[in-house]
């Protein structure tokens, strides 16, 4: 039966590859058009924009993989059904369960590929892309690391622990040096919010250093003007989706050690852990599309229904993520519930296959 597995696998793999190319071409073209708004700022030109889009393709492929796996499997099996090849297999005594097993072997391969994309290809490419983009846009104004955001404003160096949003920062440290590179002022703030072209820092401690010693002042609120704007922060901020599982675990530990919010990063962590399982669930869901209620319709109709199901899953998954963050649902529930629902749907549909 290895020959049968290879034949079905090659049919599904070819269709999946074509679907992936088409979707990535569409999404990357849209991303490139969006990047044109930034062309001309700083040193950012068309080559930078094209390079940035290309470097983000692994993350895009990773995010699209469940939908791609569903559509690729539906098209691949649909072509076999349209050519009556599945009918011949059934007539030769091969059961639906045996064909489903061959399909699920392909699903295991896609699951492994999703792990490779999400852990080893997408994170370094995404990090390089964002650093390249921020360097070109901000003219080496700021860099990011696993320990937050570092920025320079003349003789002032700024460190920010967490960026909940582009208008809000937490854990701000500001170091001001003189021309001789001697530290003159150190300002530490619990948080800050951008308002009226300036930052309003909260719970501030400022230390001034001179020949007479160190003087410290405390402020409930302090205004701070800087070249560091929300637009700059948005460009270089550490994004949960751009980190690997190990990177997320390390960053969550770092945020916990500093008493900062970890909700977004826990959700991103569970999303990454669940996505490979979602991929194989989507492959499993494709089987009743061919042998279930849709077996008498054409390939085009199956593809259309598959697209609707894939889009429905994507919207449901995104909705649960946002709702989970707003209402503080457990991160595992927010990440896994859409996949569990579609697994139940696949099992119900498979139960009707004859």
C-alpha atoms as a PDB file:
ATOM      1  CA  UNK A   1       0.000   0.000   0.000  1.00  0.00           C
ATOM      2  CA  UNK A   2       3.022   2.297   0.056  1.00  0.00           C
ATOM      3  CA  UNK A   3       2.445   3.050  -3.617  1.00  0.00           C
ATOM      4  CA  UNK A   4      -1.102   4.173  -2.820  1.00  0.00           C
ATOM      5  CA  UNK A   5       0.128   6.421  -0.005  1.00  0.00           C
ATOM      6  CA  UNK A   6       2.698   8.014  -2.285  1.00  0.00           C
ATOM      7  CA  UNK A   7       0.187   8.568  -5.075  1.00  0.00           C
ATOM      8  CA  UNK A   8      -2.396  10.219  -2.830  1.00  0.00           C
ATOM      9  CA  UNK A   9       0.322  12.132  -1.011  1.00  0.00           C
ATOM     10  CA  UNK A  10       1.815  13.537  -4.220  1.00  0.00           C
ATOM     11  CA  UNK A  11      -1.609  14.616  -5.445  1.00  0.00           C
ATOM     12  CA  UNK A  12      -2.353  16.466  -2.193  1.00  0.00           C
ATOM     13  CA  UNK A  13       1.183  17.890  -1.935  1.00  0.00           C
ATOM     14  CA  UNK A  14       1.057  19.305  -5.465  1.00  0.00           C
ATOM     15  CA  UNK A  15      -2.297  20.972  -4.861  1.00  0.00           C
ATOM     16  CA  UNK A  16      -1.187  22.318  -1.487  1.00  0.00           C
ATOM     17  CA  UNK A  17       1.962  23.802  -2.997  1.00  0.00           C
ATOM     18  CA  UNK A  18      -0.058  25.597  -5.697  1.00  0.00           C
ATOM     19  CA  UNK A  19      -2.545  26.931  -3.128  1.00  0.00           C
ATOM     20  CA  UNK A  20       0.328  28.159  -0.950  1.00  0.00           C
ATOM     21  CA  UNK A  21       1.967  29.941  -3.878  1.00  0.00           C
ATOM     22  CA  UNK A  22      -1.282  31.633  -4.918  1.00  0.00           C
ATOM     23  CA  UNK A  23      -2.205  32.809  -1.423  1.00  0.00           C
ATOM     24  CA  UNK A  24       1.310  33.996  -0.639  1.00  0.00           C
ATOM     25  CA  UNK A  25       1.459  35.900  -3.928  1.00  0.00           C
ATOM     26  CA  UNK A  26      -1.834  37.637  -3.143  1.00  0.00           C
ATOM     27  CA  UNK A  27      -0.948  38.478   0.460  1.00  0.00           C
ATOM     28  CA  UNK A  28       2.626  39.522  -0.327  1.00  0.00           C
ATOM     29  CA  UNK A  29       1.432  41.842  -3.099  1.00  0.00           C
ATOM     30  CA  UNK A  30      -0.936  43.488  -0.627  1.00  0.00           C
ATOM     31  CA  UNK A  31       1.883  43.769   1.928  1.00  0.00           C
ATOM     32  CA  UNK A  32       4.191  45.327  -0.675  1.00  0.00           C
ATOM     33  CA  UNK A  33       1.556  47.889  -1.642  1.00  0.00           C
ATOM     34  CA  UNK A  34       1.116  48.740   2.050  1.00  0.00           C
ATOM     35  CA  UNK A  35       4.883  49.199   2.402  1.00  0.00           C
ATOM     36  CA  UNK A  36       4.886  51.798  -0.381  1.00  0.00           C
ATOM     37  CA  UNK A  37       3.545  54.323   2.154  1.00  0.00           C
ATOM     38  CA  UNK A  38       6.850  54.055   4.023  1.00  0.00           C
ATOM     39  CA  UNK A  39       9.089  54.304   0.940  1.00  0.00           C
ATOM     40  CA  UNK A  40      11.011  57.582   0.971  1.00  0.00           C
ATOM     41  CA  UNK A  41      11.149  57.879   4.760  1.00  0.00           C
ATOM     42  CA  UNK A  42      14.723  57.850   6.025  1.00  0.00           C
ATOM     43  CA  UNK A  43      16.751  55.443   3.886  1.00  0.00           C
ATOM     44  CA  UNK A  44      13.789  53.173   3.164  1.00  0.00           C
ATOM     45  CA  UNK A  45      13.442  52.555  -0.595  1.00  0.00           C
ATOM     46  CA  UNK A  46      11.750  50.060  -2.930  1.00  0.00           C
ATOM     47  CA  UNK A  47      14.516  47.493  -2.484  1.00  0.00           C
ATOM     48  CA  UNK A  48      14.101  47.652   1.300  1.00  0.00           C
ATOM     49  CA  UNK A  49      10.327  47.225   0.903  1.00  0.00           C
ATOM     50  CA  UNK A  50      10.737  44.207  -1.388  1.00  0.00           C
ATOM     51  CA  UNK A  51      13.331  42.668   0.939  1.00  0.00           C
ATOM     52  CA  UNK A  52      11.085  43.229   3.945  1.00  0.00           C
ATOM     53  CA  UNK A  53       8.112  41.526   2.271  1.00  0.00           C
ATOM     54  CA  UNK A  54      10.244  38.567   1.157  1.00  0.00           C
ATOM     55  CA  UNK A  55      11.645  38.099   4.655  1.00  0.00           C
ATOM     56  CA  UNK A  56       8.145  38.040   6.165  1.00  0.00           C
ATOM     57  CA  UNK A  57       6.959  35.308   3.780  1.00  0.00           C
ATOM     58  CA  UNK A  58       7.906  32.428   6.154  1.00  0.00           C
ATOM     59  CA  UNK A  59       5.690  33.922   8.892  1.00  0.00           C
ATOM     60  CA  UNK A  60       2.898  34.454   6.363  1.00  0.00           C
ATOM     61  CA  UNK A  61       3.168  30.846   5.177  1.00  0.00           C
ATOM     62  CA  UNK A  62       3.122  29.664   8.793  1.00  0.00           C
ATOM     63  CA  UNK A  63      -0.034  31.640   9.615  1.00  0.00           C
ATOM     64  CA  UNK A  64      -1.799  30.464   6.439  1.00  0.00           C
ATOM     65  CA  UNK A  65      -0.783  26.831   6.807  1.00  0.00           C
ATOM     66  CA  UNK A  66      -4.034  25.459   8.314  1.00  0.00           C
ATOM     67  CA  UNK A  67      -6.140  27.069   5.567  1.00  0.00           C
ATOM     68  CA  UNK A  68      -3.623  26.032   2.906  1.00  0.00           C
ATOM     69  CA  UNK A  69      -3.648  22.436   4.191  1.00  0.00           C
ATOM     70  CA  UNK A  70      -7.458  22.331   4.034  1.00  0.00           C
ATOM     71  CA  UNK A  71      -7.718  23.754   0.512  1.00  0.00           C
ATOM     72  CA  UNK A  72      -4.789  21.698  -0.793  1.00  0.00           C
ATOM     73  CA  UNK A  73      -6.284  18.469   0.517  1.00  0.00           C
ATOM     74  CA  UNK A  74      -9.755  19.292  -0.814  1.00  0.00           C
ATOM     75  CA  UNK A  75      -8.383  20.124  -4.267  1.00  0.00           C
ATOM     76  CA  UNK A  76      -6.035  17.140  -4.380  1.00  0.00           C
ATOM     77  CA  UNK A  77      -8.710  14.646  -3.349  1.00  0.00           C
ATOM     78  CA  UNK A  78     -11.267  16.447  -5.507  1.00  0.00           C
ATOM     79  CA  UNK A  79      -9.119  15.958  -8.603  1.00  0.00           C
ATOM     80  CA  UNK A  80      -8.751  12.253  -7.798  1.00  0.00           C
ATOM     81  CA  UNK A  81     -12.521  12.022  -7.357  1.00  0.00           C
ATOM     82  CA  UNK A  82     -13.220  13.897 -10.620  1.00  0.00           C
ATOM     83  CA  UNK A  83     -10.937  11.494 -12.497  1.00  0.00           C
ATOM     84  CA  UNK A  84     -12.808   8.557 -10.900  1.00  0.00           C
ATOM     85  CA  UNK A  85      -9.566   7.388  -9.327  1.00  0.00           C
ATOM     86  CA  UNK A  86     -11.067   7.277  -5.844  1.00  0.00           C
ATOM     87  CA  UNK A  87     -13.969   5.262  -7.278  1.00  0.00           C
ATOM     88  CA  UNK A  88     -11.509   2.765  -8.763  1.00  0.00           C
ATOM     89  CA  UNK A  89      -9.741   2.514  -5.403  1.00  0.00           C
ATOM     90  CA  UNK A  90     -13.034   1.807  -3.674  1.00  0.00           C
ATOM     91  CA  UNK A  91     -13.952  -0.791  -6.322  1.00  0.00           C
ATOM     92  CA  UNK A  92     -10.570  -2.461  -5.741  1.00  0.00           C
ATOM     93  CA  UNK A  93     -11.536  -3.007  -2.116  1.00  0.00           C
ATOM     94  CA  UNK A  94      -9.711  -0.074  -0.556  1.00  0.00           C
ATOM     95  CA  UNK A  95     -11.820   1.359   2.243  1.00  0.00           C
ATOM     96  CA  UNK A  96     -12.483   5.014   3.020  1.00  0.00           C
ATOM     97  CA  UNK A  97     -10.599   4.501   6.280  1.00  0.00           C
ATOM     98  CA  UNK A  98      -7.508   3.325   4.352  1.00  0.00           C
ATOM     99  CA  UNK A  99      -7.670   6.340   2.035  1.00  0.00           C
ATOM    100  CA  UNK A 100      -8.167   8.600   5.053  1.00  0.00           C
ATOM    101  CA  UNK A 101      -5.054   7.064   6.641  1.00  0.00           C
ATOM    102  CA  UNK A 102      -3.027   7.967   3.537  1.00  0.00           C
ATOM    103  CA  UNK A 103      -4.365  11.526   3.720  1.00  0.00           C
ATOM    104  CA  UNK A 104      -3.528  11.822   7.417  1.00  0.00           C
ATOM    105  CA  UNK A 105       0.069  10.757   6.722  1.00  0.00           C
ATOM    106  CA  UNK A 106       0.314  13.852   4.545  1.00  0.00           C
ATOM    107  CA  UNK A 107      -1.240  15.812   7.415  1.00  0.00           C
ATOM    108  CA  UNK A 108       1.558  14.632   9.730  1.00  0.00           C
ATOM    109  CA  UNK A 109       4.083  15.870   7.177  1.00  0.00           C
ATOM    110  CA  UNK A 110       2.366  19.287   7.046  1.00  0.00           C
ATOM    111  CA  UNK A 111       2.331  19.399  10.838  1.00  0.00           C
ATOM    112  CA  UNK A 112       6.097  18.834  10.937  1.00  0.00           C
ATOM    113  CA  UNK A 113       6.599  21.464   8.238  1.00  0.00           C
ATOM    114  CA  UNK A 114       4.522  23.952  10.235  1.00  0.00           C
ATOM    115  CA  UNK A 115       6.768  23.389  13.263  1.00  0.00           C
ATOM    116  CA  UNK A 116       9.889  23.976  11.158  1.00  0.00           C
ATOM    117  CA  UNK A 117       8.426  27.165   9.687  1.00  0.00           C
ATOM    118  CA  UNK A 118       7.222  28.515  13.028  1.00  0.00           C
ATOM    119  CA  UNK A 119      10.327  27.671  15.043  1.00  0.00           C
ATOM    120  CA  UNK A 120      13.338  27.808  12.765  1.00  0.00           C
ATOM    121  CA  UNK A 121      12.561  29.851   9.639  1.00  0.00           C
ATOM    122  CA  UNK A 122       9.996  32.535  10.454  1.00  0.00           C
ATOM    123  CA  UNK A 123      11.393  33.993  13.740  1.00  0.00           C
ATOM    124  CA  UNK A 124      14.959  34.815  12.554  1.00  0.00           C
ATOM    125  CA  UNK A 125      13.698  36.049   9.177  1.00  0.00           C
ATOM    126  CA  UNK A 126      11.066  38.205  10.886  1.00  0.00           C
ATOM    127  CA  UNK A 127      13.585  39.623  13.351  1.00  0.00           C
ATOM    128  CA  UNK A 128      16.035  40.482  10.590  1.00  0.00           C
ATOM    129  CA  UNK A 129      13.221  42.029   8.526  1.00  0.00           C
ATOM    130  CA  UNK A 130      12.033  44.298  11.344  1.00  0.00           C
ATOM    131  CA  UNK A 131      15.549  45.350  12.316  1.00  0.00           C
ATOM    132  CA  UNK A 132      16.349  46.110   8.684  1.00  0.00           C
ATOM    133  CA  UNK A 133      13.139  48.088   8.285  1.00  0.00           C
ATOM    134  CA  UNK A 134      13.543  50.025  11.527  1.00  0.00           C
ATOM    135  CA  UNK A 135      17.173  50.801  10.713  1.00  0.00           C
ATOM    136  CA  UNK A 136      16.247  52.163   7.283  1.00  0.00           C
ATOM    137  CA  UNK A 137      13.200  54.094   8.506  1.00  0.00           C
ATOM    138  CA  UNK A 138      14.645  55.455  11.725  1.00  0.00           C
ATOM    139  CA  UNK A 139      18.232  55.895  10.511  1.00  0.00           C
ATOM    140  CA  UNK A 140      19.666  53.623  13.239  1.00  0.00           C
ATOM    141  CA  UNK A 141      17.469  55.315  15.797  1.00  0.00           C
ATOM    142  CA  UNK A 142      16.416  52.236  17.738  1.00  0.00           C
ATOM    143  CA  UNK A 143      16.963  48.511  18.138  1.00  0.00           C
ATOM    144  CA  UNK A 144      15.079  45.726  19.851  1.00  0.00           C
ATOM    145  CA  UNK A 145      16.271  42.787  21.897  1.00  0.00           C
ATOM    146  CA  UNK A 146      14.745  40.053  24.023  1.00  0.00           C
ATOM    147  CA  UNK A 147      15.028  42.484  26.953  1.00  0.00           C
ATOM    148  CA  UNK A 148      12.976  45.299  25.470  1.00  0.00           C
ATOM    149  CA  UNK A 149      13.564  48.361  23.315  1.00  0.00           C
ATOM    150  CA  UNK A 150      16.690  50.518  23.222  1.00  0.00           C
ATOM    151  CA  UNK A 151      16.679  53.920  21.512  1.00  0.00           C
ATOM    152  CA  UNK A 152      18.976  56.925  21.175  1.00  0.00           C
ATOM    153  CA  UNK A 153      17.957  60.579  21.070  1.00  0.00           C
ATOM    154  CA  UNK A 154      21.173  62.606  20.736  1.00  0.00           C
ATOM    155  CA  UNK A 155      23.075  62.187  24.013  1.00  0.00           C
ATOM    156  CA  UNK A 156      20.093  60.481  25.619  1.00  0.00           C
ATOM    157  CA  UNK A 157      19.725  56.689  25.707  1.00  0.00           C
ATOM    158  CA  UNK A 158      16.307  55.188  26.393  1.00  0.00           C
ATOM    159  CA  UNK A 159      15.349  51.687  27.520  1.00  0.00           C
ATOM    160  CA  UNK A 160      11.733  50.479  27.566  1.00  0.00           C
ATOM    161  CA  UNK A 161      10.803  47.142  29.106  1.00  0.00           C
ATOM    162  CA  UNK A 162       7.338  46.641  27.606  1.00  0.00           C
ATOM    163  CA  UNK A 163       5.229  48.226  24.874  1.00  0.00           C
ATOM    164  CA  UNK A 164       1.539  47.354  25.501  1.00  0.00           C
ATOM    165  CA  UNK A 165       0.594  49.672  22.607  1.00  0.00           C
ATOM    166  CA  UNK A 166       2.390  52.224  20.476  1.00  0.00           C
ATOM    167  CA  UNK A 167       1.010  55.045  22.660  1.00  0.00           C
ATOM    168  CA  UNK A 168       1.835  53.377  25.961  1.00  0.00           C
ATOM    169  CA  UNK A 169       5.100  52.171  27.459  1.00  0.00           C
ATOM    170  CA  UNK A 170       6.106  50.552  30.745  1.00  0.00           C
ATOM    171  CA  UNK A 171       9.391  50.339  32.582  1.00  0.00           C
ATOM    172  CA  UNK A 172      11.071  53.447  31.107  1.00  0.00           C
ATOM    173  CA  UNK A 173      14.718  54.268  31.875  1.00  0.00           C
ATOM    174  CA  UNK A 174      16.309  57.429  30.432  1.00  0.00           C
ATOM    175  CA  UNK A 175      20.076  58.001  30.623  1.00  0.00           C
ATOM    176  CA  UNK A 176      21.425  61.448  29.671  1.00  0.00           C
ATOM    177  CA  UNK A 177      25.156  61.897  29.019  1.00  0.00           C
ATOM    178  CA  UNK A 178      27.252  65.007  28.487  1.00  0.00           C
ATOM    179  CA  UNK A 179      29.724  65.612  25.631  1.00  0.00           C
ATOM    180  CA  UNK A 180      32.420  63.781  27.590  1.00  0.00           C
ATOM    181  CA  UNK A 181      30.141  60.726  27.778  1.00  0.00           C
ATOM    182  CA  UNK A 182      29.630  61.082  31.516  1.00  0.00           C
ATOM    183  CA  UNK A 183      26.252  60.167  32.944  1.00  0.00           C
ATOM    184  CA  UNK A 184      24.510  63.307  34.177  1.00  0.00           C
ATOM    185  CA  UNK A 185      20.868  62.381  34.636  1.00  0.00           C
ATOM    186  CA  UNK A 186      19.041  59.080  35.098  1.00  0.00           C
ATOM    187  CA  UNK A 187      15.246  59.028  35.002  1.00  0.00           C
ATOM    188  CA  UNK A 188      13.198  55.943  35.807  1.00  0.00           C
ATOM    189  CA  UNK A 189       9.426  55.851  35.272  1.00  0.00           C
ATOM    190  CA  UNK A 190       6.874  53.152  35.968  1.00  0.00           C
ATOM    191  CA  UNK A 191       4.903  53.900  32.785  1.00  0.00           C
ATOM    192  CA  UNK A 192       4.258  56.547  30.153  1.00  0.00           C
ATOM    193  CA  UNK A 193       1.544  57.581  27.701  1.00  0.00           C
ATOM    194  CA  UNK A 194       1.891  59.713  24.582  1.00  0.00           C
ATOM    195  CA  UNK A 195      -0.397  62.755  24.503  1.00  0.00           C
ATOM    196  CA  UNK A 196      -0.134  66.081  22.715  1.00  0.00           C
ATOM    197  CA  UNK A 197       3.260  65.422  21.044  1.00  0.00           C
ATOM    198  CA  UNK A 198       4.891  64.560  24.370  1.00  0.00           C
ATOM    199  CA  UNK A 199       5.097  61.692  26.812  1.00  0.00           C
ATOM    200  CA  UNK A 200       3.507  61.849  30.241  1.00  0.00           C
ATOM    201  CA  UNK A 201       5.582  59.677  32.553  1.00  0.00           C
ATOM    202  CA  UNK A 202       4.032  58.249  35.729  1.00  0.00           C
ATOM    203  CA  UNK A 203       5.728  57.500  39.078  1.00  0.00           C
ATOM    204  CA  UNK A 204       9.031  59.067  38.137  1.00  0.00           C
ATOM    205  CA  UNK A 205      12.351  59.059  39.978  1.00  0.00           C
ATOM    206  CA  UNK A 206      15.043  61.370  38.605  1.00  0.00           C
ATOM    207  CA  UNK A 207      18.665  61.328  39.762  1.00  0.00           C
ATOM    208  CA  UNK A 208      21.082  64.152  38.872  1.00  0.00           C
ATOM    209  CA  UNK A 209      24.802  63.464  39.045  1.00  0.00           C
ATOM    210  CA  UNK A 210      27.415  66.221  39.418  1.00  0.00           C
ATOM    211  CA  UNK A 211      30.639  66.937  41.303  1.00  0.00           C
ATOM    212  CA  UNK A 212      28.739  67.514  44.547  1.00  0.00           C
ATOM    213  CA  UNK A 213      27.098  64.090  44.456  1.00  0.00           C
ATOM    214  CA  UNK A 214      23.769  62.563  43.466  1.00  0.00           C
ATOM    215  CA  UNK A 215      20.454  64.337  43.989  1.00  0.00           C
ATOM    216  CA  UNK A 216      17.158  62.467  43.620  1.00  0.00           C
ATOM    217  CA  UNK A 217      13.695  63.841  42.908  1.00  0.00           C
ATOM    218  CA  UNK A 218      10.324  62.075  42.818  1.00  0.00           C
ATOM    219  CA  UNK A 219       7.362  63.052  40.618  1.00  0.00           C
ATOM    220  CA  UNK A 220       3.863  61.636  40.343  1.00  0.00           C
ATOM    221  CA  UNK A 221       3.827  62.759  36.714  1.00  0.00           C
ATOM    222  CA  UNK A 222       6.449  64.329  34.468  1.00  0.00           C
ATOM    223  CA  UNK A 223       6.299  65.578  30.883  1.00  0.00           C
ATOM    224  CA  UNK A 224       9.000  64.301  28.547  1.00  0.00           C
ATOM    225  CA  UNK A 225       9.604  65.418  24.961  1.00  0.00           C
ATOM    226  CA  UNK A 226      11.591  63.078  22.734  1.00  0.00           C
ATOM    227  CA  UNK A 227      12.154  62.060  19.133  1.00  0.00           C
ATOM    228  CA  UNK A 228      10.823  58.675  20.243  1.00  0.00           C
ATOM    229  CA  UNK A 229       7.267  58.793  18.885  1.00  0.00           C
ATOM    230  CA  UNK A 230       4.530  56.133  18.802  1.00  0.00           C
ATOM    231  CA  UNK A 231       5.291  55.631  15.105  1.00  0.00           C
ATOM    232  CA  UNK A 232       8.919  54.827  15.931  1.00  0.00           C
ATOM    233  CA  UNK A 233       7.866  52.434  18.682  1.00  0.00           C
ATOM    234  CA  UNK A 234       5.406  50.660  16.406  1.00  0.00           C
ATOM    235  CA  UNK A 235       8.207  50.053  13.903  1.00  0.00           C
ATOM    236  CA  UNK A 236      10.634  48.443  16.338  1.00  0.00           C
ATOM    237  CA  UNK A 237       8.475  46.990  19.131  1.00  0.00           C
ATOM    238  CA  UNK A 238       8.884  43.283  19.935  1.00  0.00           C
ATOM    239  CA  UNK A 239       5.826  41.508  18.509  1.00  0.00           C
ATOM    240  CA  UNK A 240       4.638  38.226  20.053  1.00  0.00           C
ATOM    241  CA  UNK A 241       3.976  36.604  16.666  1.00  0.00           C
ATOM    242  CA  UNK A 242       7.590  37.167  15.596  1.00  0.00           C
ATOM    243  CA  UNK A 243       9.056  35.011  18.388  1.00  0.00           C
ATOM    244  CA  UNK A 244       9.636  31.264  18.476  1.00  0.00           C
ATOM    245  CA  UNK A 245       8.186  29.085  21.235  1.00  0.00           C
ATOM    246  CA  UNK A 246      11.492  29.188  23.133  1.00  0.00           C
ATOM    247  CA  UNK A 247      11.711  32.929  22.551  1.00  0.00           C
ATOM    248  CA  UNK A 248       8.203  33.390  23.938  1.00  0.00           C
ATOM    249  CA  UNK A 249       8.967  31.257  26.987  1.00  0.00           C
ATOM    250  CA  UNK A 250      12.106  33.295  27.707  1.00  0.00           C
ATOM    251  CA  UNK A 251      10.308  36.597  27.147  1.00  0.00           C
ATOM    252  CA  UNK A 252       7.394  35.577  29.393  1.00  0.00           C
ATOM    253  CA  UNK A 253       9.865  34.681  32.126  1.00  0.00           C
ATOM    254  CA  UNK A 254      11.552  38.039  31.662  1.00  0.00           C
ATOM    255  CA  UNK A 255       8.230  39.926  31.870  1.00  0.00           C
ATOM    256  CA  UNK A 256       7.242  38.003  34.995  1.00  0.00           C
ATOM    257  CA  UNK A 257      10.548  38.801  36.667  1.00  0.00           C
ATOM    258  CA  UNK A 258       9.878  42.489  36.041  1.00  0.00           C
ATOM    259  CA  UNK A 259       6.215  42.400  37.116  1.00  0.00           C
ATOM    260  CA  UNK A 260       4.891  43.136  33.607  1.00  0.00           C
ATOM    261  CA  UNK A 261       1.818  41.850  31.781  1.00  0.00           C
ATOM    262  CA  UNK A 262       2.239  38.510  29.995  1.00  0.00           C
ATOM    263  CA  UNK A 263      -1.294  37.961  28.595  1.00  0.00           C
ATOM    264  CA  UNK A 264      -0.477  38.696  24.946  1.00  0.00           C
ATOM    265  CA  UNK A 265       2.610  36.530  25.040  1.00  0.00           C
ATOM    266  CA  UNK A 266       0.891  33.565  26.698  1.00  0.00           C
ATOM    267  CA  UNK A 267      -1.775  33.723  23.981  1.00  0.00           C
ATOM    268  CA  UNK A 268       0.891  33.862  21.271  1.00  0.00           C
ATOM    269  CA  UNK A 269       2.673  30.901  22.893  1.00  0.00           C
ATOM    270  CA  UNK A 270      -0.448  28.725  22.941  1.00  0.00           C
ATOM    271  CA  UNK A 271      -1.341  29.786  19.387  1.00  0.00           C
ATOM    272  CA  UNK A 272       2.058  28.539  18.231  1.00  0.00           C
ATOM    273  CA  UNK A 273       1.679  25.264  20.123  1.00  0.00           C
ATOM    274  CA  UNK A 274      -1.840  24.674  18.775  1.00  0.00           C
ATOM    275  CA  UNK A 275      -1.255  25.642  15.113  1.00  0.00           C
ATOM    276  CA  UNK A 276       0.484  22.375  14.065  1.00  0.00           C
ATOM    277  CA  UNK A 277      -2.444  20.440  15.552  1.00  0.00           C
ATOM    278  CA  UNK A 278      -4.851  22.776  13.748  1.00  0.00           C
ATOM    279  CA  UNK A 279      -3.102  21.924  10.485  1.00  0.00           C
ATOM    280  CA  UNK A 280      -3.709  18.192  10.847  1.00  0.00           C
ATOM    281  CA  UNK A 281      -7.315  18.839  11.956  1.00  0.00           C
ATOM    282  CA  UNK A 282      -7.873  20.797   8.744  1.00  0.00           C
ATOM    283  CA  UNK A 283      -6.460  17.924   6.680  1.00  0.00           C
ATOM    284  CA  UNK A 284      -8.808  15.554   8.509  1.00  0.00           C
ATOM    285  CA  UNK A 285     -11.727  17.900   7.810  1.00  0.00           C
ATOM    286  CA  UNK A 286     -11.014  17.717   4.074  1.00  0.00           C
ATOM    287  CA  UNK A 287     -11.871  13.996   3.920  1.00  0.00           C
ATOM    288  CA  UNK A 288     -15.661  14.300   4.430  1.00  0.00           C
ATOM    289  CA  UNK A 289     -15.657  17.037   1.774  1.00  0.00           C
ATOM    290  CA  UNK A 290     -14.954  14.279  -0.738  1.00  0.00           C
ATOM    291  CA  UNK A 291     -16.724  11.238   0.738  1.00  0.00           C
ATOM    292  CA  UNK A 292     -19.484  13.033   2.641  1.00  0.00           C
ATOM    293  CA  UNK A 293     -22.403  15.237   1.592  1.00  0.00           C
ATOM    294  CA  UNK A 294     -20.337  17.032  -1.076  1.00  0.00           C
ATOM    295  CA  UNK A 295     -19.235  13.905  -2.938  1.00  0.00           C
ATOM    296  CA  UNK A 296     -21.745  14.483  -5.769  1.00  0.00           C
ATOM    297  CA  UNK A 297     -20.732  18.090  -6.534  1.00  0.00           C
ATOM    298  CA  UNK A 298     -17.897  19.364  -8.717  1.00  0.00           C
ATOM    299  CA  UNK A 299     -14.376  20.297  -7.712  1.00  0.00           C
ATOM    300  CA  UNK A 300     -15.167  24.000  -8.059  1.00  0.00           C
ATOM    301  CA  UNK A 301     -17.981  23.809  -5.534  1.00  0.00           C
ATOM    302  CA  UNK A 302     -15.812  21.833  -3.124  1.00  0.00           C
ATOM    303  CA  UNK A 303     -13.083  24.470  -3.394  1.00  0.00           C
ATOM    304  CA  UNK A 304     -15.630  27.222  -2.782  1.00  0.00           C
ATOM    305  CA  UNK A 305     -16.987  25.497   0.335  1.00  0.00           C
ATOM    306  CA  UNK A 306     -13.437  24.783   1.477  1.00  0.00           C
ATOM    307  CA  UNK A 307     -12.573  28.463   1.113  1.00  0.00           C
ATOM    308  CA  UNK A 308     -15.622  29.421   3.168  1.00  0.00           C
ATOM    309  CA  UNK A 309     -14.677  26.952   5.889  1.00  0.00           C
ATOM    310  CA  UNK A 310     -11.062  28.157   5.888  1.00  0.00           C
ATOM    311  CA  UNK A 311     -12.090  31.817   6.072  1.00  0.00           C
ATOM    312  CA  UNK A 312     -14.614  30.955   8.765  1.00  0.00           C
ATOM    313  CA  UNK A 313     -11.912  29.270  10.824  1.00  0.00           C
ATOM    314  CA  UNK A 314      -9.533  32.206  10.409  1.00  0.00           C
ATOM    315  CA  UNK A 315     -12.181  34.734  11.484  1.00  0.00           C
ATOM    316  CA  UNK A 316     -13.258  32.578  14.423  1.00  0.00           C
ATOM    317  CA  UNK A 317      -9.660  32.095  15.522  1.00  0.00           C
ATOM    318  CA  UNK A 318      -8.899  35.825  15.358  1.00  0.00           C
ATOM    319  CA  UNK A 319     -12.141  36.685  17.160  1.00  0.00           C
ATOM    320  CA  UNK A 320     -11.448  34.295  20.026  1.00  0.00           C
ATOM    321  CA  UNK A 321      -7.936  35.700  20.373  1.00  0.00           C
ATOM    322  CA  UNK A 322      -9.183  39.273  20.757  1.00  0.00           C
ATOM    323  CA  UNK A 323     -12.138  38.318  22.943  1.00  0.00           C
ATOM    324  CA  UNK A 324      -9.870  36.207  25.133  1.00  0.00           C
ATOM    325  CA  UNK A 325      -7.508  39.132  25.686  1.00  0.00           C
ATOM    326  CA  UNK A 326     -10.322  41.581  26.420  1.00  0.00           C
ATOM    327  CA  UNK A 327     -12.186  39.326  28.849  1.00  0.00           C
ATOM    328  CA  UNK A 328      -9.026  37.631  30.166  1.00  0.00           C
ATOM    329  CA  UNK A 329     -10.010  34.088  29.244  1.00  0.00           C
ATOM    330  CA  UNK A 330      -7.364  31.407  29.815  1.00  0.00           C
ATOM    331  CA  UNK A 331      -4.860  31.598  26.952  1.00  0.00           C
ATOM    332  CA  UNK A 332      -5.159  27.870  26.207  1.00  0.00           C
ATOM    333  CA  UNK A 333      -8.934  28.141  25.805  1.00  0.00           C
ATOM    334  CA  UNK A 334      -8.663  31.172  23.504  1.00  0.00           C
ATOM    335  CA  UNK A 335      -6.068  29.444  21.338  1.00  0.00           C
ATOM    336  CA  UNK A 336      -7.514  25.923  21.234  1.00  0.00           C
ATOM    337  CA  UNK A 337     -11.304  26.398  21.203  1.00  0.00           C
ATOM    338  CA  UNK A 338     -11.650  27.116  17.426  1.00  0.00           C
ATOM    339  CA  UNK A 339      -9.540  24.054  16.633  1.00  0.00           C
ATOM    340  CA  UNK A 340     -11.591  21.884  19.004  1.00  0.00           C
ATOM    341  CA  UNK A 341     -14.836  23.093  17.417  1.00  0.00           C
ATOM    342  CA  UNK A 342     -13.604  22.275  13.914  1.00  0.00           C
ATOM    343  CA  UNK A 343     -12.350  18.884  15.098  1.00  0.00           C
ATOM    344  CA  UNK A 344     -15.841  18.127  16.415  1.00  0.00           C
ATOM    345  CA  UNK A 345     -17.267  19.242  13.050  1.00  0.00           C
ATOM    346  CA  UNK A 346     -14.863  16.922  11.209  1.00  0.00           C
ATOM    347  CA  UNK A 347     -15.750  13.953  13.444  1.00  0.00           C
ATOM    348  CA  UNK A 348     -19.504  14.571  12.975  1.00  0.00           C
ATOM    349  CA  UNK A 349     -19.103  14.778   9.191  1.00  0.00           C
ATOM    350  CA  UNK A 350     -16.885  11.669   9.100  1.00  0.00           C
ATOM    351  CA  UNK A 351     -19.553   9.754  11.030  1.00  0.00           C
ATOM    352  CA  UNK A 352     -21.898  10.364   8.091  1.00  0.00           C
ATOM    353  CA  UNK A 353     -19.440   8.997   5.516  1.00  0.00           C
ATOM    354  CA  UNK A 354     -20.496   5.725   3.988  1.00  0.00           C
END
